[in-house]
N, C-alpha and C. Protein backbone atom coordinates (compact mmCIF):
# COMPACT_ATOMS: atom_id res chain seq x y z
N MET A 1 0.81 -1.20 0.00
CA MET A 1 0.00 0.00 0.00
C MET A 1 0.86 1.26 0.00
N ALA A 2 2.16 1.13 0.12
CA ALA A 2 3.03 2.30 0.24
C ALA A 2 2.93 3.21 -0.97
N ASN A 3 2.77 2.65 -2.17
CA ASN A 3 2.73 3.47 -3.37
C ASN A 3 1.31 3.84 -3.81
N LYS A 4 0.34 3.22 -3.23
CA LYS A 4 -1.05 3.45 -3.62
C LYS A 4 -1.78 4.20 -2.52
N LYS A 5 -2.50 5.24 -2.91
CA LYS A 5 -3.31 5.96 -1.94
C LYS A 5 -4.44 5.06 -1.46
N ILE A 6 -4.76 5.15 -0.19
CA ILE A 6 -5.93 4.46 0.34
C ILE A 6 -7.16 5.16 -0.25
N LYS A 7 -8.08 4.35 -0.75
CA LYS A 7 -9.29 4.90 -1.36
C LYS A 7 -10.49 4.58 -0.47
N VAL A 8 -11.20 5.62 -0.08
CA VAL A 8 -12.31 5.50 0.86
C VAL A 8 -13.61 5.97 0.22
N LEU A 9 -14.64 5.16 0.34
CA LEU A 9 -15.98 5.56 -0.08
C LEU A 9 -16.72 6.03 1.17
N MET A 10 -17.15 7.27 1.17
CA MET A 10 -17.93 7.82 2.29
C MET A 10 -19.38 7.95 1.85
N ALA A 11 -20.29 7.43 2.68
CA ALA A 11 -21.70 7.43 2.33
C ALA A 11 -22.55 7.49 3.59
N GLN A 12 -23.81 7.72 3.38
CA GLN A 12 -24.79 7.61 4.45
C GLN A 12 -26.04 6.97 3.88
N PHE A 13 -26.84 6.40 4.76
CA PHE A 13 -28.03 5.70 4.30
C PHE A 13 -29.07 6.67 3.76
N SER A 14 -29.97 6.17 2.96
CA SER A 14 -30.95 6.98 2.24
C SER A 14 -31.77 7.91 3.11
N LEU A 15 -32.05 7.53 4.33
CA LEU A 15 -32.92 8.32 5.20
C LEU A 15 -32.21 9.52 5.85
N GLU A 16 -30.91 9.59 5.73
CA GLU A 16 -30.14 10.62 6.42
C GLU A 16 -30.40 12.01 5.86
N THR A 17 -30.45 12.97 6.76
CA THR A 17 -30.52 14.37 6.36
C THR A 17 -29.40 15.19 6.98
N HIS A 18 -28.67 14.63 7.93
CA HIS A 18 -27.57 15.32 8.59
C HIS A 18 -26.26 14.93 7.92
N THR A 19 -25.57 15.88 7.34
CA THR A 19 -24.36 15.58 6.58
C THR A 19 -23.07 16.04 7.23
N ARG A 20 -23.16 16.72 8.34
CA ARG A 20 -21.95 17.28 8.96
C ARG A 20 -20.87 16.23 9.21
N GLY A 21 -21.23 15.12 9.86
CA GLY A 21 -20.26 14.08 10.16
C GLY A 21 -19.64 13.49 8.91
N LEU A 22 -20.46 13.28 7.91
CA LEU A 22 -19.99 12.73 6.63
C LEU A 22 -18.90 13.63 6.04
N PHE A 23 -19.18 14.93 5.99
CA PHE A 23 -18.22 15.87 5.40
C PHE A 23 -16.97 16.05 6.27
N VAL A 24 -17.14 16.04 7.57
CA VAL A 24 -15.98 16.20 8.46
C VAL A 24 -15.02 15.03 8.30
N VAL A 25 -15.55 13.81 8.35
CA VAL A 25 -14.68 12.63 8.23
C VAL A 25 -14.08 12.54 6.83
N ALA A 26 -14.87 12.80 5.81
CA ALA A 26 -14.34 12.78 4.44
C ALA A 26 -13.19 13.78 4.30
N GLY A 27 -13.35 14.96 4.85
CA GLY A 27 -12.31 15.97 4.78
C GLY A 27 -11.05 15.59 5.52
N MET A 28 -11.21 15.01 6.69
CA MET A 28 -10.01 14.65 7.45
C MET A 28 -9.26 13.48 6.80
N LEU A 29 -9.97 12.55 6.20
CA LEU A 29 -9.29 11.46 5.51
C LEU A 29 -8.57 11.99 4.27
N ARG A 30 -9.21 12.89 3.56
CA ARG A 30 -8.57 13.52 2.40
C ARG A 30 -7.32 14.30 2.83
N ASP A 31 -7.42 15.03 3.95
CA ASP A 31 -6.27 15.78 4.47
C ASP A 31 -5.12 14.87 4.88
N GLU A 32 -5.43 13.61 5.17
CA GLU A 32 -4.40 12.62 5.53
C GLU A 32 -3.81 11.95 4.29
N GLY A 33 -4.21 12.42 3.11
CA GLY A 33 -3.63 11.90 1.87
C GLY A 33 -4.40 10.78 1.23
N MET A 34 -5.60 10.48 1.73
CA MET A 34 -6.40 9.41 1.15
C MET A 34 -7.27 9.97 0.03
N GLU A 35 -7.59 9.11 -0.93
CA GLU A 35 -8.54 9.47 -1.97
C GLU A 35 -9.93 9.18 -1.44
N VAL A 36 -10.82 10.17 -1.49
CA VAL A 36 -12.16 10.01 -0.94
C VAL A 36 -13.19 10.15 -2.05
N VAL A 37 -14.05 9.13 -2.13
CA VAL A 37 -15.19 9.15 -3.04
C VAL A 37 -16.40 9.41 -2.15
N LEU A 38 -17.05 10.52 -2.36
CA LEU A 38 -18.17 10.93 -1.52
C LEU A 38 -19.46 10.78 -2.33
N ILE A 39 -20.33 9.84 -1.90
CA ILE A 39 -21.56 9.65 -2.66
C ILE A 39 -22.78 10.18 -1.92
N GLY A 40 -22.63 10.50 -0.66
CA GLY A 40 -23.80 10.99 0.08
C GLY A 40 -24.77 9.86 0.35
N ASN A 41 -26.05 10.10 0.09
CA ASN A 41 -27.09 9.13 0.44
C ASN A 41 -27.17 7.97 -0.55
N GLY A 42 -27.41 6.78 0.00
CA GLY A 42 -27.59 5.61 -0.84
C GLY A 42 -28.16 4.45 -0.05
N THR A 43 -28.76 3.51 -0.74
CA THR A 43 -29.21 2.29 -0.09
C THR A 43 -27.97 1.43 0.17
N PRO A 44 -28.07 0.47 1.07
CA PRO A 44 -26.93 -0.42 1.27
C PRO A 44 -26.46 -1.07 -0.04
N GLU A 45 -27.40 -1.46 -0.88
CA GLU A 45 -27.05 -2.08 -2.15
C GLU A 45 -26.28 -1.11 -3.06
N GLN A 46 -26.73 0.14 -3.12
CA GLN A 46 -26.03 1.14 -3.93
C GLN A 46 -24.63 1.42 -3.39
N ILE A 47 -24.51 1.45 -2.08
CA ILE A 47 -23.20 1.71 -1.46
C ILE A 47 -22.23 0.59 -1.82
N ILE A 48 -22.67 -0.66 -1.70
CA ILE A 48 -21.80 -1.80 -2.02
C ILE A 48 -21.44 -1.79 -3.51
N GLU A 49 -22.41 -1.54 -4.37
CA GLU A 49 -22.13 -1.51 -5.82
C GLU A 49 -21.12 -0.41 -6.15
N THR A 50 -21.28 0.75 -5.54
CA THR A 50 -20.33 1.84 -5.79
C THR A 50 -18.94 1.47 -5.27
N ALA A 51 -18.87 0.82 -4.12
CA ALA A 51 -17.58 0.39 -3.57
C ALA A 51 -16.87 -0.56 -4.54
N ILE A 52 -17.63 -1.46 -5.15
CA ILE A 52 -17.06 -2.39 -6.12
C ILE A 52 -16.60 -1.65 -7.38
N GLN A 53 -17.45 -0.79 -7.90
CA GLN A 53 -17.12 -0.04 -9.12
C GLN A 53 -15.90 0.86 -8.91
N GLU A 54 -15.80 1.46 -7.75
CA GLU A 54 -14.70 2.38 -7.46
C GLU A 54 -13.44 1.67 -6.95
N ASP A 55 -13.55 0.37 -6.67
CA ASP A 55 -12.43 -0.43 -6.17
C ASP A 55 -11.80 0.22 -4.94
N VAL A 56 -12.64 0.47 -3.93
CA VAL A 56 -12.18 1.14 -2.71
C VAL A 56 -11.58 0.15 -1.72
N ASP A 57 -10.81 0.72 -0.81
CA ASP A 57 -10.22 -0.06 0.30
C ASP A 57 -11.09 0.00 1.54
N VAL A 58 -11.89 1.06 1.65
CA VAL A 58 -12.66 1.34 2.86
C VAL A 58 -14.04 1.86 2.48
N ILE A 59 -15.05 1.42 3.24
CA ILE A 59 -16.37 2.04 3.19
C ILE A 59 -16.59 2.68 4.55
N GLY A 60 -16.89 3.96 4.55
CA GLY A 60 -17.22 4.68 5.77
C GLY A 60 -18.66 5.13 5.72
N ILE A 61 -19.42 4.75 6.74
CA ILE A 61 -20.83 5.11 6.82
C ILE A 61 -21.01 6.11 7.96
N SER A 62 -21.70 7.20 7.67
CA SER A 62 -22.08 8.16 8.70
C SER A 62 -23.57 8.01 8.93
N THR A 63 -23.96 7.86 10.19
CA THR A 63 -25.38 7.63 10.46
C THR A 63 -25.89 8.49 11.61
N TYR A 64 -27.14 8.82 11.49
CA TYR A 64 -27.83 9.62 12.50
C TYR A 64 -29.32 9.28 12.52
N CYS A 65 -29.76 8.49 11.54
CA CYS A 65 -31.20 8.31 11.32
C CYS A 65 -31.86 7.27 12.22
N GLY A 66 -31.08 6.49 12.96
CA GLY A 66 -31.68 5.49 13.82
C GLY A 66 -31.84 4.13 13.16
N GLY A 67 -31.41 3.98 11.93
CA GLY A 67 -31.54 2.71 11.25
C GLY A 67 -30.24 1.94 11.16
N GLU A 68 -29.28 2.28 12.03
CA GLU A 68 -27.94 1.69 11.91
C GLU A 68 -27.92 0.18 12.04
N LEU A 69 -28.76 -0.41 12.89
CA LEU A 69 -28.73 -1.87 13.04
C LEU A 69 -29.36 -2.57 11.83
N VAL A 70 -30.52 -2.10 11.40
CA VAL A 70 -31.20 -2.75 10.28
C VAL A 70 -30.44 -2.51 8.98
N LEU A 71 -30.15 -1.24 8.67
CA LEU A 71 -29.46 -0.93 7.42
C LEU A 71 -28.00 -1.39 7.45
N GLY A 72 -27.39 -1.33 8.62
CA GLY A 72 -26.01 -1.83 8.76
C GLY A 72 -25.92 -3.31 8.46
N LYS A 73 -26.90 -4.08 8.94
CA LYS A 73 -26.90 -5.53 8.67
C LYS A 73 -27.07 -5.80 7.18
N VAL A 74 -27.95 -5.06 6.53
CA VAL A 74 -28.14 -5.23 5.08
C VAL A 74 -26.83 -4.92 4.35
N LEU A 75 -26.16 -3.84 4.75
CA LEU A 75 -24.88 -3.46 4.13
C LEU A 75 -23.85 -4.57 4.28
N ILE A 76 -23.68 -5.07 5.49
CA ILE A 76 -22.70 -6.14 5.73
C ILE A 76 -23.09 -7.40 4.96
N ASP A 77 -24.36 -7.76 4.97
CA ASP A 77 -24.81 -8.95 4.23
C ASP A 77 -24.55 -8.80 2.74
N LYS A 78 -24.79 -7.62 2.18
CA LYS A 78 -24.53 -7.39 0.75
C LYS A 78 -23.03 -7.45 0.46
N ALA A 79 -22.21 -6.94 1.36
CA ALA A 79 -20.76 -7.02 1.18
C ALA A 79 -20.30 -8.48 1.17
N LYS A 80 -20.88 -9.29 2.03
CA LYS A 80 -20.54 -10.72 2.06
C LYS A 80 -21.02 -11.41 0.79
N GLU A 81 -22.25 -11.11 0.38
CA GLU A 81 -22.81 -11.71 -0.84
C GLU A 81 -21.95 -11.41 -2.06
N ARG A 82 -21.44 -10.20 -2.13
CA ARG A 82 -20.64 -9.77 -3.28
C ARG A 82 -19.16 -10.13 -3.13
N GLY A 83 -18.79 -10.77 -2.01
CA GLY A 83 -17.43 -11.26 -1.82
C GLY A 83 -16.39 -10.19 -1.53
N ILE A 84 -16.81 -9.05 -0.99
CA ILE A 84 -15.84 -7.98 -0.71
C ILE A 84 -15.59 -7.76 0.77
N LYS A 85 -16.33 -8.42 1.63
CA LYS A 85 -16.21 -8.16 3.08
C LYS A 85 -14.81 -8.40 3.61
N ASP A 86 -14.14 -9.43 3.12
CA ASP A 86 -12.81 -9.76 3.64
C ASP A 86 -11.71 -8.85 3.13
N ARG A 87 -11.96 -8.10 2.06
CA ARG A 87 -10.90 -7.24 1.52
C ARG A 87 -11.14 -5.75 1.72
N ILE A 88 -12.36 -5.37 2.08
CA ILE A 88 -12.67 -3.96 2.29
C ILE A 88 -12.95 -3.72 3.77
N VAL A 89 -12.36 -2.67 4.31
CA VAL A 89 -12.62 -2.24 5.67
C VAL A 89 -13.96 -1.51 5.67
N ILE A 90 -14.84 -1.90 6.58
CA ILE A 90 -16.15 -1.25 6.67
C ILE A 90 -16.31 -0.68 8.07
N MET A 91 -16.51 0.63 8.13
CA MET A 91 -16.64 1.29 9.43
C MET A 91 -17.88 2.17 9.45
N MET A 92 -18.36 2.43 10.66
CA MET A 92 -19.53 3.29 10.83
C MET A 92 -19.26 4.27 11.95
N GLY A 93 -19.72 5.49 11.74
CA GLY A 93 -19.65 6.49 12.78
C GLY A 93 -20.91 7.31 12.77
N GLY A 94 -21.14 7.99 13.88
CA GLY A 94 -22.32 8.84 13.93
C GLY A 94 -22.94 8.87 15.30
N ILE A 95 -24.21 9.16 15.31
CA ILE A 95 -24.96 9.27 16.55
C ILE A 95 -25.92 8.10 16.62
N PHE A 96 -25.70 7.25 17.61
CA PHE A 96 -26.55 6.08 17.83
C PHE A 96 -26.39 5.67 19.28
N PRO A 97 -27.31 4.88 19.81
CA PRO A 97 -27.21 4.47 21.21
C PRO A 97 -25.93 3.67 21.46
N PRO A 98 -25.24 3.93 22.55
CA PRO A 98 -24.01 3.19 22.86
C PRO A 98 -24.20 1.67 22.89
N VAL A 99 -25.39 1.21 23.22
CA VAL A 99 -25.64 -0.24 23.26
C VAL A 99 -25.61 -0.86 21.87
N ASP A 100 -25.71 -0.05 20.83
CA ASP A 100 -25.65 -0.59 19.46
C ASP A 100 -24.23 -0.91 19.02
N GLU A 101 -23.23 -0.28 19.63
CA GLU A 101 -21.85 -0.47 19.19
C GLU A 101 -21.41 -1.93 19.18
N PRO A 102 -21.59 -2.69 20.28
CA PRO A 102 -21.18 -4.11 20.22
C PRO A 102 -21.94 -4.92 19.18
N GLN A 103 -23.21 -4.58 18.96
CA GLN A 103 -23.99 -5.30 17.95
C GLN A 103 -23.47 -5.02 16.55
N LEU A 104 -23.09 -3.77 16.29
CA LEU A 104 -22.54 -3.41 14.97
C LEU A 104 -21.22 -4.14 14.73
N LEU A 105 -20.39 -4.21 15.74
CA LEU A 105 -19.11 -4.93 15.61
C LEU A 105 -19.35 -6.43 15.40
N LYS A 106 -20.30 -6.98 16.13
CA LYS A 106 -20.61 -8.40 16.01
C LYS A 106 -21.15 -8.74 14.62
N MET A 107 -21.94 -7.84 14.03
CA MET A 107 -22.50 -8.12 12.71
C MET A 107 -21.47 -8.01 11.60
N GLY A 108 -20.30 -7.38 11.90
CA GLY A 108 -19.24 -7.38 10.90
C GLY A 108 -18.56 -6.06 10.60
N PHE A 109 -18.98 -4.97 11.24
CA PHE A 109 -18.25 -3.71 11.03
C PHE A 109 -16.87 -3.85 11.63
N ASP A 110 -15.86 -3.35 10.93
CA ASP A 110 -14.49 -3.43 11.42
C ASP A 110 -14.23 -2.43 12.53
N ALA A 111 -14.98 -1.34 12.54
CA ALA A 111 -14.87 -0.34 13.61
C ALA A 111 -16.14 0.47 13.66
N VAL A 112 -16.41 0.99 14.86
CA VAL A 112 -17.55 1.85 15.09
C VAL A 112 -17.04 3.06 15.85
N PHE A 113 -17.37 4.24 15.35
CA PHE A 113 -16.89 5.49 15.94
C PHE A 113 -18.06 6.33 16.40
N PRO A 114 -18.37 6.29 17.71
CA PRO A 114 -19.42 7.15 18.24
C PRO A 114 -18.93 8.60 18.32
N PRO A 115 -19.82 9.54 18.56
CA PRO A 115 -19.39 10.93 18.63
C PRO A 115 -18.52 11.19 19.86
N GLY A 116 -17.76 12.26 19.79
CA GLY A 116 -16.97 12.67 20.95
C GLY A 116 -15.50 12.34 20.82
N ALA A 117 -14.79 12.55 21.90
CA ALA A 117 -13.33 12.41 21.92
C ALA A 117 -12.86 11.01 21.58
N VAL A 118 -13.67 10.01 21.85
CA VAL A 118 -13.28 8.63 21.57
C VAL A 118 -13.08 8.41 20.06
N SER A 119 -13.66 9.29 19.26
CA SER A 119 -13.55 9.17 17.81
C SER A 119 -12.74 10.33 17.23
N SER A 120 -11.57 10.54 17.77
CA SER A 120 -10.73 11.64 17.33
C SER A 120 -10.19 11.41 15.92
N ARG A 121 -9.77 12.48 15.30
CA ARG A 121 -9.15 12.42 13.98
C ARG A 121 -8.01 11.41 13.97
N GLU A 122 -7.17 11.48 14.98
CA GLU A 122 -6.00 10.60 15.06
C GLU A 122 -6.43 9.14 15.12
N LYS A 123 -7.43 8.83 15.93
CA LYS A 123 -7.87 7.43 16.07
C LYS A 123 -8.49 6.90 14.77
N ILE A 124 -9.31 7.71 14.13
CA ILE A 124 -9.95 7.27 12.89
C ILE A 124 -8.90 7.06 11.80
N CYS A 125 -8.03 8.04 11.61
CA CYS A 125 -7.02 7.93 10.54
C CYS A 125 -6.05 6.79 10.80
N LYS A 126 -5.62 6.63 12.04
CA LYS A 126 -4.71 5.53 12.38
C LYS A 126 -5.39 4.19 12.14
N PHE A 127 -6.65 4.07 12.56
CA PHE A 127 -7.39 2.83 12.33
C PHE A 127 -7.44 2.50 10.85
N VAL A 128 -7.80 3.47 10.02
CA VAL A 128 -7.93 3.22 8.58
C VAL A 128 -6.59 2.77 8.02
N LYS A 129 -5.53 3.50 8.29
CA LYS A 129 -4.22 3.16 7.75
C LYS A 129 -3.75 1.79 8.22
N ASP A 130 -3.86 1.53 9.51
CA ASP A 130 -3.40 0.24 10.06
C ASP A 130 -4.23 -0.93 9.55
N THR A 131 -5.54 -0.77 9.47
CA THR A 131 -6.41 -1.88 9.08
C THR A 131 -6.30 -2.16 7.59
N VAL A 132 -6.19 -1.13 6.77
CA VAL A 132 -6.01 -1.35 5.33
C VAL A 132 -4.69 -2.05 5.08
N ALA A 133 -3.63 -1.65 5.78
CA ALA A 133 -2.34 -2.30 5.64
C ALA A 133 -2.41 -3.77 6.06
N ALA A 134 -3.11 -4.05 7.14
CA ALA A 134 -3.23 -5.43 7.63
C ALA A 134 -4.03 -6.30 6.64
N LYS A 135 -5.09 -5.74 6.06
CA LYS A 135 -5.88 -6.53 5.10
C LYS A 135 -5.11 -6.76 3.81
N ALA A 136 -4.22 -5.84 3.46
CA ALA A 136 -3.44 -5.98 2.23
C ALA A 136 -2.29 -6.98 2.39
N ALA A 137 -1.90 -7.22 3.62
CA ALA A 137 -0.75 -8.13 3.87
C ALA A 137 -1.10 -9.57 3.64
């Protein structure tokens, strides 16, 4: 991965109307030298198809709508169906009940970033770089 930029698809589910988190994370990943494909709203199926078409290393989901468990499961299931789950890092961040975090990780998200200091720029960027490198090895 040393010669290739990490490519990240940033998206949010169709019901979302709050874009601040999406733009903040997309900007910070871009500032860290990553290539960011920003699609905004999409169904889980559209997000997975775009990830395949764009040949991304990471899918980042920003959520606030309350559908993270249902739509997150569909996204992970579609990634498995299309055979990309093992090669693409899939992470979610946003505003959701803290009790959902372990469930999201159990269903297959590689990382979950709730709001606040626990999801600092440094932690998110380090996670992306380290996890993409580990999956590429």
